[in-house]
Amino acid sequence: MAIEVKRAGAPQAEPGFFVAYDDLGVDNRFVVSAGGEDNPAKGGVKLRTLLRQSTRFVNS
């Protein structure tokens, strides 16, 4: 699992994130932000709110 945490209003994964998860062979890719909604993003990345992502870790 690869996670990039953003504080921006319109979060997106940076180019280095894509390079890193390709090098590591990671299947699950997330960009976590403070607000907004959960959405898919380019390159198979999922945009998640901080609350939803933290709840996911607690419940797993």
N, C-alpha and C. Protein backbone atom coordinates (compact mmCIF):
# COMPACT_ATOMS: atom_id res chain seq x y z
N MET A 1 0.84 -1.16 0.00
CA MET A 1 0.00 0.00 0.00
C MET A 1 0.90 1.23 0.00
N ALA A 2 0.56 2.17 -0.87
CA ALA A 2 1.28 3.45 -0.93
C ALA A 2 0.30 4.56 -0.59
N ILE A 3 0.72 5.45 0.32
CA ILE A 3 -0.13 6.56 0.74
C ILE A 3 0.64 7.86 0.65
N GLU A 4 0.04 8.85 0.02
CA GLU A 4 0.59 10.21 0.01
C GLU A 4 -0.44 11.10 0.70
N VAL A 5 0.01 11.87 1.68
CA VAL A 5 -0.88 12.74 2.45
C VAL A 5 -0.75 14.16 1.93
N LYS A 6 -1.90 14.78 1.65
CA LYS A 6 -1.93 16.14 1.10
C LYS A 6 -2.80 17.04 1.95
N ARG A 7 -2.46 18.30 1.97
CA ARG A 7 -3.28 19.28 2.67
C ARG A 7 -4.00 20.20 1.69
N ALA A 8 -3.71 20.10 0.44
CA ALA A 8 -4.26 20.97 -0.60
C ALA A 8 -5.76 20.76 -0.77
N GLY A 9 -6.43 21.79 -1.26
CA GLY A 9 -7.86 21.69 -1.52
C GLY A 9 -8.19 20.77 -2.67
N ALA A 10 -7.32 20.67 -3.64
CA ALA A 10 -7.50 19.77 -4.79
C ALA A 10 -6.30 18.82 -4.84
N PRO A 11 -6.29 17.81 -3.98
CA PRO A 11 -5.11 16.94 -3.88
C PRO A 11 -4.91 16.07 -5.11
N GLN A 12 -3.66 15.81 -5.40
CA GLN A 12 -3.31 14.89 -6.47
C GLN A 12 -1.94 14.31 -6.17
N ALA A 13 -1.68 13.14 -6.69
CA ALA A 13 -0.38 12.50 -6.49
C ALA A 13 0.68 13.20 -7.31
N GLU A 14 1.84 13.35 -6.72
CA GLU A 14 2.99 13.97 -7.41
C GLU A 14 3.69 12.92 -8.27
N PRO A 15 4.46 13.36 -9.26
CA PRO A 15 5.15 12.40 -10.14
C PRO A 15 6.02 11.38 -9.39
N GLY A 16 6.67 11.81 -8.32
CA GLY A 16 7.52 10.89 -7.55
C GLY A 16 6.73 9.75 -6.91
N PHE A 17 5.47 10.01 -6.59
CA PHE A 17 4.60 8.97 -6.02
C PHE A 17 4.41 7.85 -7.04
N PHE A 18 4.16 8.22 -8.30
CA PHE A 18 3.97 7.22 -9.35
C PHE A 18 5.25 6.41 -9.59
N VAL A 19 6.39 7.07 -9.56
CA VAL A 19 7.67 6.38 -9.74
C VAL A 19 7.90 5.40 -8.60
N ALA A 20 7.64 5.84 -7.37
CA ALA A 20 7.88 5.00 -6.20
C ALA A 20 7.00 3.76 -6.20
N TYR A 21 5.70 3.92 -6.47
CA TYR A 21 4.86 2.71 -6.40
C TYR A 21 5.13 1.78 -7.57
N ASP A 22 5.55 2.30 -8.71
CA ASP A 22 5.96 1.41 -9.80
C ASP A 22 7.20 0.62 -9.43
N ASP A 23 8.18 1.30 -8.83
CA ASP A 23 9.41 0.64 -8.41
C ASP A 23 9.16 -0.43 -7.35
N LEU A 24 8.20 -0.17 -6.45
CA LEU A 24 7.92 -1.09 -5.35
C LEU A 24 6.89 -2.15 -5.70
N GLY A 25 6.21 -2.00 -6.82
CA GLY A 25 5.19 -2.97 -7.24
C GLY A 25 3.96 -2.95 -6.33
N VAL A 26 3.57 -1.78 -5.88
CA VAL A 26 2.44 -1.63 -4.96
C VAL A 26 1.12 -1.71 -5.72
N ASP A 27 0.14 -2.41 -5.14
CA ASP A 27 -1.17 -2.54 -5.78
C ASP A 27 -2.16 -1.47 -5.33
N ASN A 28 -2.19 -1.15 -4.05
CA ASN A 28 -3.14 -0.17 -3.52
C ASN A 28 -2.47 1.19 -3.38
N ARG A 29 -3.09 2.20 -4.00
CA ARG A 29 -2.49 3.54 -4.03
C ARG A 29 -3.52 4.57 -3.58
N PHE A 30 -3.16 5.36 -2.57
CA PHE A 30 -4.10 6.34 -2.02
C PHE A 30 -3.45 7.70 -1.85
N VAL A 31 -4.22 8.73 -2.10
CA VAL A 31 -3.87 10.09 -1.71
C VAL A 31 -4.90 10.47 -0.65
N VAL A 32 -4.43 10.81 0.54
CA VAL A 32 -5.30 11.14 1.66
C VAL A 32 -5.26 12.64 1.88
N SER A 33 -6.47 13.25 2.02
CA SER A 33 -6.55 14.69 2.23
C SER A 33 -7.49 14.98 3.40
N ALA A 34 -7.44 16.20 3.90
CA ALA A 34 -8.24 16.59 5.06
C ALA A 34 -9.72 16.67 4.76
N GLY A 35 -10.10 17.02 3.56
CA GLY A 35 -11.52 17.21 3.27
C GLY A 35 -11.88 16.71 1.90
N GLY A 36 -13.04 17.13 1.44
CA GLY A 36 -13.48 16.72 0.11
C GLY A 36 -14.20 15.40 0.15
N GLU A 37 -14.17 14.71 -0.97
CA GLU A 37 -14.87 13.44 -1.11
C GLU A 37 -13.92 12.37 -1.60
N ASP A 38 -14.32 11.11 -1.40
CA ASP A 38 -13.55 9.99 -1.93
C ASP A 38 -13.83 9.88 -3.43
N ASN A 39 -12.78 9.78 -4.22
CA ASN A 39 -12.91 9.69 -5.67
C ASN A 39 -11.76 8.90 -6.24
N PRO A 40 -11.95 8.28 -7.40
CA PRO A 40 -10.80 7.71 -8.11
C PRO A 40 -10.01 8.83 -8.78
N ALA A 41 -8.75 8.61 -8.99
CA ALA A 41 -7.90 9.60 -9.65
C ALA A 41 -7.11 8.88 -10.74
N LYS A 42 -6.28 9.62 -11.44
CA LYS A 42 -5.51 9.02 -12.53
C LYS A 42 -4.51 7.99 -12.00
N GLY A 43 -4.18 7.06 -12.85
CA GLY A 43 -3.16 6.06 -12.52
C GLY A 43 -3.56 5.06 -11.47
N GLY A 44 -4.87 4.84 -11.28
CA GLY A 44 -5.31 3.86 -10.29
C GLY A 44 -5.22 4.33 -8.85
N VAL A 45 -4.98 5.60 -8.65
CA VAL A 45 -4.90 6.18 -7.30
C VAL A 45 -6.32 6.48 -6.82
N LYS A 46 -6.57 6.23 -5.54
CA LYS A 46 -7.86 6.56 -4.94
C LYS A 46 -7.67 7.76 -4.01
N LEU A 47 -8.50 8.78 -4.18
CA LEU A 47 -8.50 9.93 -3.27
C LEU A 47 -9.40 9.60 -2.10
N ARG A 48 -8.89 9.74 -0.88
CA ARG A 48 -9.66 9.44 0.32
C ARG A 48 -9.56 10.61 1.29
N THR A 49 -10.63 10.80 2.05
CA THR A 49 -10.56 11.77 3.14
C THR A 49 -9.78 11.14 4.29
N LEU A 50 -9.20 11.97 5.11
CA LEU A 50 -8.43 11.47 6.25
C LEU A 50 -9.31 10.63 7.17
N LEU A 51 -10.53 11.09 7.41
CA LEU A 51 -11.44 10.35 8.28
C LEU A 51 -11.73 8.96 7.73
N ARG A 52 -12.04 8.88 6.45
CA ARG A 52 -12.36 7.57 5.86
C ARG A 52 -11.15 6.63 5.88
N GLN A 53 -9.99 7.15 5.57
CA GLN A 53 -8.79 6.30 5.54
C GLN A 53 -8.42 5.82 6.94
N SER A 54 -8.52 6.70 7.93
CA SER A 54 -8.19 6.29 9.30
C SER A 54 -9.20 5.27 9.82
N THR A 55 -10.46 5.41 9.47
CA THR A 55 -11.48 4.43 9.86
C THR A 55 -11.19 3.08 9.23
N ARG A 56 -10.71 3.10 8.01
CA ARG A 56 -10.37 1.86 7.32
C ARG A 56 -9.26 1.10 8.06
N PHE A 57 -8.24 1.81 8.57
CA PHE A 57 -7.16 1.17 9.30
C PHE A 57 -7.65 0.61 10.64
N VAL A 58 -8.52 1.32 11.31
CA VAL A 58 -9.02 0.87 12.60
C VAL A 58 -9.87 -0.38 12.44
N ASN A 59 -10.64 -0.46 11.37
CA ASN A 59 -11.54 -1.59 11.16
C ASN A 59 -10.87 -2.80 10.52
N SER A 60 -9.62 -2.69 10.12
CA SER A 60 -8.98 -3.84 9.47
C SER A 60 -8.12 -4.64 10.43
